[in-house]
Protein backbone atom coordinates (compact mmCIF):
# COMPACT_ATOMS: atom_id res chain seq x y z
CA MET A 1 6.37 3.89 0.61
CA LEU A 2 7.75 2.98 4.02
CA ASP A 3 4.35 1.42 4.88
CA SER A 4 5.08 -1.33 2.35
CA TYR A 5 7.89 -2.60 4.58
CA TYR A 6 5.63 -2.96 7.60
CA PHE A 7 5.00 -6.60 8.53
CA ASP A 8 3.90 -6.31 12.15
CA ASN A 9 0.17 -6.02 11.56
CA ALA A 10 -0.72 -8.55 14.25
CA ALA A 11 0.66 -6.01 16.74
CA THR A 12 -1.17 -3.03 15.27
CA THR A 13 -2.24 -1.64 11.92
CA LYS A 14 -2.18 1.80 10.37
CA ILE A 15 -5.57 3.49 10.61
CA SER A 16 -7.29 3.59 7.21
CA SER A 17 -8.17 6.87 5.52
CA ASP A 18 -11.90 6.13 5.74
CA ALA A 19 -11.68 5.22 9.43
CA LEU A 20 -9.66 8.37 10.17
CA ASN A 21 -12.10 10.57 8.25
CA SER A 22 -14.97 8.92 10.10
CA TYR A 23 -13.27 9.72 13.42
CA ILE A 24 -12.82 13.38 12.50
CA GLU A 25 -16.34 13.81 11.13
CA THR A 26 -17.92 12.19 14.19
CA SER A 27 -15.82 14.36 16.50
CA LEU A 28 -17.02 17.50 14.73
CA ASN A 29 -20.65 16.51 14.12
CA TYR A 30 -21.46 14.83 17.44
CA PRO A 31 -19.88 16.88 20.25
CA GLY A 32 -22.43 15.86 22.89
CA ASN A 33 -22.06 13.28 25.65
CA PRO A 34 -24.31 10.28 24.81
CA SER A 35 -25.50 10.29 28.43
CA SER A 36 -26.70 13.91 28.29
CA LYS A 37 -30.41 14.59 27.79
CA HIS A 38 -30.14 17.74 25.68
CA THR A 39 -30.39 17.68 21.88
CA LEU A 40 -26.67 17.24 21.21
CA GLY A 41 -26.49 14.43 23.74
CA LEU A 42 -29.50 12.66 22.26
CA GLU A 43 -28.02 12.94 18.76
CA ALA A 44 -24.77 11.43 20.01
CA LYS A 45 -26.73 8.63 21.69
CA LYS A 46 -28.53 7.84 18.43
CA GLU A 47 -25.22 7.68 16.55
CA LEU A 48 -23.79 5.43 19.26
CA GLU A 49 -26.71 3.02 18.95
CA ARG A 50 -26.53 3.07 15.15
CA ALA A 51 -22.95 1.88 15.40
CA ARG A 52 -23.93 -0.80 17.93
CA VAL A 53 -26.61 -2.10 15.56
CA GLY A 54 -24.06 -2.12 12.74
CA PHE A 55 -21.64 -4.25 14.75
CA SER A 56 -24.45 -6.60 15.75
CA ASN A 57 -25.41 -7.16 12.12
CA ILE A 58 -21.85 -8.07 11.16
CA LEU A 59 -21.26 -10.32 14.18
CA HIS A 60 -24.76 -11.86 14.15
CA THR A 61 -25.74 -10.78 17.64
CA LYS A 62 -28.34 -8.58 19.28
CA PRO A 63 -27.28 -4.94 19.80
CA GLU A 64 -27.87 -5.19 23.54
CA GLN A 65 -25.24 -7.97 23.72
CA LEU A 66 -22.42 -5.61 22.69
CA PHE A 67 -20.51 -3.25 24.98
CA PHE A 68 -17.85 -0.73 23.98
CA THR A 69 -14.57 -0.72 25.92
CA SER A 70 -11.16 0.93 25.66
CA GLY A 71 -9.78 -2.19 23.98
CA ALA A 72 -9.72 -5.97 24.08
CA SER A 73 -7.56 -6.03 27.20
CA GLU A 74 -10.22 -4.14 29.13
CA ALA A 75 -12.95 -6.38 27.71
CA ILE A 76 -11.02 -9.43 28.91
CA SER A 77 -10.43 -7.81 32.29
CA ILE A 78 -14.14 -7.09 32.78
CA VAL A 79 -15.02 -10.75 32.27
CA ILE A 80 -12.24 -12.43 34.24
CA SER A 81 -12.13 -9.94 37.12
CA SER A 82 -15.88 -10.43 37.63
CA LEU A 83 -14.98 -13.86 39.04
CA LEU A 84 -13.62 -12.07 42.11
CA TRP A 85 -17.21 -11.35 43.17
CA LEU A 86 -17.87 -15.07 43.64
CA LYS A 87 -18.26 -16.09 47.26
CA ARG A 88 -16.97 -19.55 46.46
CA PRO A 89 -13.96 -19.92 44.09
CA GLY A 90 -13.93 -22.72 41.55
CA ARG A 91 -11.94 -23.96 38.60
CA VAL A 92 -10.86 -21.66 35.75
CA ILE A 93 -9.45 -23.10 32.52
CA PHE A 94 -7.11 -21.18 30.19
CA SER A 95 -5.09 -22.41 27.24
CA ALA A 96 -1.32 -22.02 27.53
CA ILE A 97 -1.23 -19.87 24.39
CA GLU A 98 -3.71 -17.22 25.46
CA HIS A 99 -2.77 -13.58 25.15
CA GLU A 100 -1.05 -12.15 28.21
CA ALA A 101 -4.20 -10.11 28.88
CA VAL A 102 -5.81 -13.44 29.84
CA LEU A 103 -2.89 -15.33 31.38
CA SER A 104 -1.90 -12.40 33.61
CA PHE A 105 -4.99 -13.14 35.71
CA ALA A 106 -3.73 -16.61 36.69
CA PRO A 107 -1.65 -15.46 39.70
CA ILE A 108 -4.37 -13.33 41.29
CA LEU A 109 -7.02 -16.00 40.74
CA LYS A 110 -4.78 -18.58 42.39
CA GLU A 111 -4.21 -16.19 45.28
CA LYS A 112 -7.97 -15.83 45.70
CA GLY A 113 -8.41 -19.60 45.92
CA PHE A 114 -9.28 -20.50 42.35
CA ASP A 115 -8.02 -23.73 40.80
CA VAL A 116 -6.39 -22.47 37.59
CA VAL A 117 -5.80 -25.12 34.93
CA ILE A 118 -3.63 -24.33 31.89
CA LEU A 119 -4.25 -26.53 28.84
CA LYS A 120 -1.20 -27.35 26.70
CA ALA A 121 -2.53 -26.42 23.21
CA LYS A 122 0.31 -28.21 21.41
CA GLY A 123 0.79 -26.91 17.89
CA GLY A 124 -1.57 -24.01 18.57
CA TYR A 125 -4.79 -25.95 19.10
CA VAL A 126 -6.87 -27.03 22.07
CA THR A 127 -8.55 -30.38 21.44
CA PRO A 128 -12.08 -31.18 22.64
CA GLU A 129 -10.68 -34.23 24.42
CA GLU A 130 -8.12 -32.16 26.34
CA LEU A 131 -10.77 -29.64 27.36
CA GLU A 132 -13.27 -32.32 28.40
CA GLY A 133 -10.68 -33.93 30.64
CA ALA A 134 -10.19 -30.66 32.52
CA LEU A 135 -13.86 -29.84 33.12
CA THR A 136 -15.27 -30.48 36.59
CA PRO A 137 -18.52 -29.54 38.37
CA GLU A 138 -16.56 -26.67 39.97
CA THR A 139 -15.56 -25.09 36.64
CA LYS A 140 -16.67 -21.45 36.45
CA LEU A 141 -15.00 -20.21 33.28
CA VAL A 142 -13.19 -21.48 30.19
CA ALA A 143 -11.13 -19.03 28.12
CA ILE A 144 -9.81 -20.20 24.75
CA GLN A 145 -8.84 -17.81 21.97
CA ALA A 146 -10.34 -18.08 18.50
CA VAL A 147 -7.13 -17.34 16.60
CA ASN A 148 -3.64 -17.48 18.09
CA ASN A 149 -1.74 -14.21 17.85
CA VAL A 150 1.70 -15.84 17.65
CA VAL A 151 1.33 -18.51 14.94
CA GLY A 152 -2.14 -17.76 13.49
CA THR A 153 -3.82 -21.10 14.24
CA ILE A 154 -7.63 -21.25 14.28
CA ASN A 155 -9.22 -23.12 17.17
CA ASP A 156 -12.45 -25.03 16.58
CA ILE A 157 -14.39 -22.92 19.06
CA LYS A 158 -17.75 -24.39 18.10
CA ALA A 159 -16.57 -27.94 18.87
CA LEU A 160 -15.03 -26.80 22.17
CA VAL A 161 -18.24 -25.03 23.21
CA LYS A 162 -20.24 -28.18 22.50
CA VAL A 163 -18.05 -30.06 24.97
CA VAL A 164 -18.72 -27.42 27.62
CA ARG A 165 -22.47 -27.41 26.98
CA ARG A 166 -22.61 -31.19 27.24
CA LYS A 167 -20.79 -31.05 30.56
CA GLU A 168 -23.13 -28.31 31.77
CA GLU A 169 -26.04 -30.70 31.34
CA GLU A 170 -24.15 -33.40 33.20
CA PHE A 171 -23.08 -31.11 36.05
CA LYS A 172 -26.33 -29.12 36.16
CA ARG A 173 -24.19 -25.99 36.43
CA LYS A 174 -23.43 -23.06 34.11
CA ILE A 175 -19.91 -22.68 32.72
CA PHE A 176 -18.97 -19.38 31.09
CA PHE A 177 -17.14 -19.87 27.78
CA PHE A 178 -15.06 -16.85 26.79
CA SER A 179 -13.09 -16.48 23.56
CA ASP A 180 -10.56 -13.74 22.90
CA SER A 181 -11.35 -13.09 19.23
CA VAL A 182 -9.06 -10.16 18.47
CA GLN A 183 -7.08 -11.90 15.71
CA ALA A 184 -10.24 -13.45 14.26
CA LEU A 185 -12.19 -10.25 13.60
CA GLY A 186 -12.44 -9.55 9.88
CA LYS A 187 -10.22 -12.52 9.03
CA ILE A 188 -12.54 -15.49 9.53
CA ASP A 189 -16.31 -15.78 9.51
CA LEU A 190 -17.69 -14.93 12.94
CA ASN A 191 -21.28 -15.77 13.80
CA LEU A 192 -21.31 -15.33 17.55
CA THR A 193 -24.82 -16.66 17.97
CA ASP A 194 -23.97 -19.82 16.04
CA LEU A 195 -20.75 -20.33 18.02
CA ASP A 196 -22.82 -20.28 21.23
CA ILE A 197 -20.04 -18.64 23.25
CA ASP A 198 -20.88 -16.58 26.33
CA GLY A 199 -18.37 -13.81 25.77
CA ALA A 200 -15.77 -12.50 23.32
CA SER A 201 -13.35 -9.60 23.01
CA PHE A 202 -12.42 -7.54 19.95
CA SER A 203 -10.00 -4.73 19.14
CA SER A 204 -10.14 -1.95 16.57
CA HIS A 205 -6.48 -1.32 15.90
CA LYS A 206 -5.88 -4.80 14.48
CA ILE A 207 -8.11 -4.07 11.45
CA HIS A 208 -7.02 -0.53 10.49
CA GLY A 209 -9.24 1.18 13.02
CA PRO A 210 -8.15 3.60 15.78
CA ARG A 211 -6.37 2.55 18.93
CA GLY A 212 -8.01 2.72 22.34
CA ILE A 213 -11.37 1.23 21.39
CA GLY A 214 -12.61 -2.34 21.72
CA LEU A 215 -15.75 -4.40 21.94
CA LEU A 216 -17.08 -6.91 24.45
CA TYR A 217 -19.75 -9.44 23.54
CA LEU A 218 -21.84 -10.92 26.32
CA LYS A 219 -24.47 -13.45 25.41
CA ARG A 220 -26.61 -12.73 28.46
CA GLY A 221 -25.10 -9.54 29.84
CA GLU A 222 -24.79 -11.27 33.18
CA ILE A 223 -21.31 -9.99 34.07
CA GLN A 224 -21.08 -8.06 37.32
CA ALA A 225 -18.24 -5.63 36.68
CA LEU A 226 -15.95 -4.76 39.57
CA ALA A 227 -16.56 -1.05 38.96
CA LYS A 228 -19.68 0.31 37.26
CA ALA A 229 -18.35 3.91 37.35
CA GLY A 230 -21.00 6.17 35.80
CA GLY A 231 -23.21 3.29 34.74
CA GLN A 232 -22.61 3.66 31.00
CA GLU A 233 -22.91 0.57 28.80
CA LYS A 234 -25.54 -0.80 31.19
CA GLY A 235 -23.03 -0.80 34.03
CA VAL A 236 -20.75 -3.30 32.30
CA ARG A 237 -18.22 -0.64 31.35
CA GLY A 238 -18.45 2.80 32.93
CA GLY A 239 -16.99 5.97 31.47
CA THR A 240 -18.10 8.31 28.70
CA GLU A 241 -18.30 6.38 25.44
CA ASN A 242 -15.61 7.31 22.91
CA LEU A 243 -18.10 7.93 20.11
CA PRO A 244 -15.62 9.06 17.41
CA ALA A 245 -13.49 5.95 17.99
CA ILE A 246 -16.54 3.68 18.06
CA VAL A 247 -17.84 4.97 14.72
CA SER A 248 -14.33 4.82 13.27
CA PHE A 249 -13.99 1.21 14.48
CA TYR A 250 -17.26 0.35 12.77
CA THR A 251 -16.08 2.01 9.56
CA ALA A 252 -12.85 0.00 9.65
CA LEU A 253 -14.71 -3.27 10.17
CA LYS A 254 -17.13 -2.58 7.32
CA GLU A 255 -14.31 -1.92 4.88
CA PHE A 256 -11.93 -4.64 6.08
CA LYS A 257 -12.15 -7.10 3.22
CA PRO A 258 -9.70 -10.00 3.47
CA ARG A 259 -7.65 -10.09 0.29
CA SER A 260 -8.06 -13.46 -1.39
CA ASN A 261 -4.34 -13.95 -1.92
CA ILE A 262 -3.25 -13.36 1.69
CA LEU A 263 -3.07 -17.10 2.32
CA ASP A 264 -1.32 -17.59 -1.04
CA LEU A 265 1.31 -15.04 -0.02
CA ASN A 266 1.75 -16.77 3.32
CA LEU A 267 2.24 -20.16 1.68
CA LYS A 268 4.64 -18.70 -0.90
CA LEU A 269 6.91 -17.28 1.80
CA ARG A 270 6.54 -20.52 3.75
CA GLU A 271 7.87 -22.52 0.80
CA ILE A 272 10.79 -20.12 0.33
CA PHE A 273 11.79 -20.44 3.98
CA ILE A 274 11.53 -24.23 4.01
CA ASN A 275 13.56 -24.51 0.81
CA ASN A 276 16.27 -22.44 2.49
CA ASN A 277 16.34 -24.53 5.67
CA ILE A 278 14.55 -22.00 7.84
CA LYS A 279 12.10 -23.61 10.23
CA VAL A 280 8.47 -22.48 9.98
CA LEU A 281 6.46 -22.68 13.20
CA SER A 282 3.07 -21.69 11.78
CA PRO A 283 1.29 -24.78 10.42
CA ALA A 284 0.32 -24.92 6.76
CA ASN A 285 -3.35 -25.65 7.40
CA ASN A 286 -6.14 -24.21 9.53
CA ILE A 287 -4.58 -20.76 9.80
CA THR A 288 -5.82 -17.29 8.85
CA GLY A 289 -2.84 -16.61 6.62
CA TYR A 290 -2.24 -13.25 8.26
CA VAL A 291 0.57 -14.59 10.47
CA LEU A 292 3.68 -16.51 9.47
CA THR A 293 6.08 -17.35 12.29
CA ILE A 294 9.55 -18.74 11.73
CA THR A 295 12.62 -19.44 13.85
CA THR A 296 16.28 -18.98 12.94
CA PRO A 297 19.62 -19.60 14.66
CA LEU A 298 19.84 -15.84 15.28
CA PRO A 299 18.34 -14.53 18.54
CA SER A 300 15.03 -12.88 17.66
CA GLU A 301 15.97 -9.49 19.09
CA VAL A 302 19.14 -9.49 16.98
CA LEU A 303 17.39 -10.38 13.72
CA THR A 304 14.51 -7.94 14.29
CA ARG A 305 17.08 -5.18 14.78
CA MET A 306 18.95 -6.20 11.62
CA LEU A 307 15.72 -6.19 9.64
CA SER A 308 14.77 -2.83 11.12
CA ASP A 309 18.08 -1.44 9.87
CA GLU A 310 17.01 -2.61 6.40
CA GLY A 311 13.64 -0.86 6.79
CA PHE A 312 11.52 -3.93 7.65
CA ALA A 313 9.24 -4.05 10.68
CA VAL A 314 8.58 -7.53 12.10
CA SER A 315 8.03 -8.85 15.60
CA SER A 316 9.58 -11.45 17.87
CA GLY A 317 6.26 -13.04 18.86
CA SER A 318 3.51 -10.99 20.49
CA ALA A 319 4.23 -7.26 20.82
CA CYS A 320 2.52 -7.23 24.22
CA SER A 321 4.62 -10.18 25.37
CA ASN A 322 7.75 -8.35 24.23
CA ASN A 323 7.19 -5.95 27.11
CA ALA A 324 7.75 -8.76 29.62
CA LYS A 325 10.92 -10.80 29.36
CA GLY A 326 10.34 -14.42 28.40
CA LYS A 327 6.56 -14.20 27.85
CA SER A 328 6.73 -14.61 24.08
CA GLU A 329 9.16 -17.51 24.44
CA ASN A 330 6.77 -19.20 26.88
CA VAL A 331 4.04 -19.24 24.23
CA ILE A 332 6.38 -20.89 21.72
CA LEU A 333 7.34 -23.50 24.30
CA ALA A 334 3.65 -24.13 25.03
CA LEU A 335 3.15 -24.83 21.34
CA GLY A 336 5.54 -27.74 21.73
CA TYR A 337 8.69 -26.21 20.25
CA THR A 338 12.20 -26.25 21.76
CA PRO A 339 13.83 -23.49 23.84
CA GLN A 340 16.20 -22.87 20.90
CA ASP A 341 13.21 -22.39 18.60
CA ALA A 342 11.70 -19.96 21.08
CA LYS A 343 14.86 -17.83 21.24
CA GLY A 344 14.91 -17.35 17.46
CA THR A 345 11.22 -16.69 16.81
CA ILE A 346 10.23 -14.05 14.25
CA ARG A 347 6.59 -13.23 13.51
CA ILE A 348 5.73 -11.81 10.10
CA SER A 349 2.15 -10.51 9.93
CA PHE A 350 0.30 -9.23 6.91
CA SER A 351 -2.62 -6.95 6.14
CA PRO A 352 -4.76 -6.56 3.01
CA GLU A 353 -2.35 -3.74 2.10
CA SER A 354 0.79 -5.92 2.19
CA ASP A 355 2.81 -5.79 -1.02
CA GLU A 356 3.81 -9.20 -2.37
CA LYS A 357 7.00 -7.97 -4.01
CA ILE A 358 8.19 -6.39 -0.75
CA ALA A 359 7.18 -9.50 1.21
CA LEU A 360 9.35 -11.64 -1.05
CA GLU A 361 12.17 -9.13 -0.56
CA LEU A 362 11.75 -9.51 3.20
CA ALA A 363 12.05 -13.29 2.91
CA GLN A 364 15.26 -13.01 0.91
CA THR A 365 16.68 -10.49 3.39
CA ILE A 366 16.00 -12.88 6.28
CA ILE A 367 17.69 -15.72 4.40
CA LYS A 368 20.69 -13.51 3.64
CA LYS A 369 21.08 -12.43 7.29
CA VAL A 370 20.82 -16.01 8.54
CA ASN A 371 23.40 -17.24 6.01
CA GLU A 372 25.77 -14.44 7.00
CA PHE A 373 25.42 -15.53 10.62
CA LYS A 374 26.40 -19.09 9.72
């Protein structure tokens, strides 16, 4: 099947049969608006809250701490744009390898008088020491992703939060710790209460759920959204809830079981590339295994097109960054790699459905194309 040649799962995944069926069944069985007070509306509301409870059980939160959005980008926007309500700007800290949905706020925050600090995150990690050195009494928000979408590194969010909490006691001021957790959902253990973060964003279409639906976690629900619209989701995110997509998202999360040999497959391809003098940018340790990023002498857009001609789908860094010239390369540079490395970056990303035989064929095809270029 053509699906077997798809290795761009960090960009998006194919909706699963169960998630799709769940979407259709919910659409047919719950036609009412969850905000309506008639019988069909009340039934839809009950189904909406059942899904919310289901998510809370998986993520170890309270149901009232979860808010449905149109995707992770909107969830991120709700949190960061809420800073614009502040009468007195302060410091905001991002890592240099955040998704563009986070980093795109830097210019407007600077324009509004905020002191925006970008941490280096060399190798794909933010260290507690680096974060501590950037914290000041004027810090309002820290945003550090749980898992990097370009090289798959896992940040020690719990250790980073502890630094922030310690500084809160010293400064006698609250600092909001936000973690974009899109690439972490379903791939690493997530106990949001134990992590002690204040907010997190999640997306359905990264785990074989539908597109256009996401989730926002707020520890205290204290965000003042710029626009409350119709007041749905307790005023955090207005607009009629997309109940079929929400239930489908929940179905996808319940059935997303990380295959035990994903990391083994990652390491196997890693060894093949290294043995054939192809540089691997993703580290060998402390990664999810779902992303393997390499660099070759070929420009990334050239090699991705060659591979596409052979039937393989891979990405040159983040798919979202590909829409803006140079953004993906900037992330690679922030990781500490050279401009030449950045120009040749290829991201291979797996799913539990990835076929090992085809993955090995992809590796050999890459090696062949690179050798032909030489």
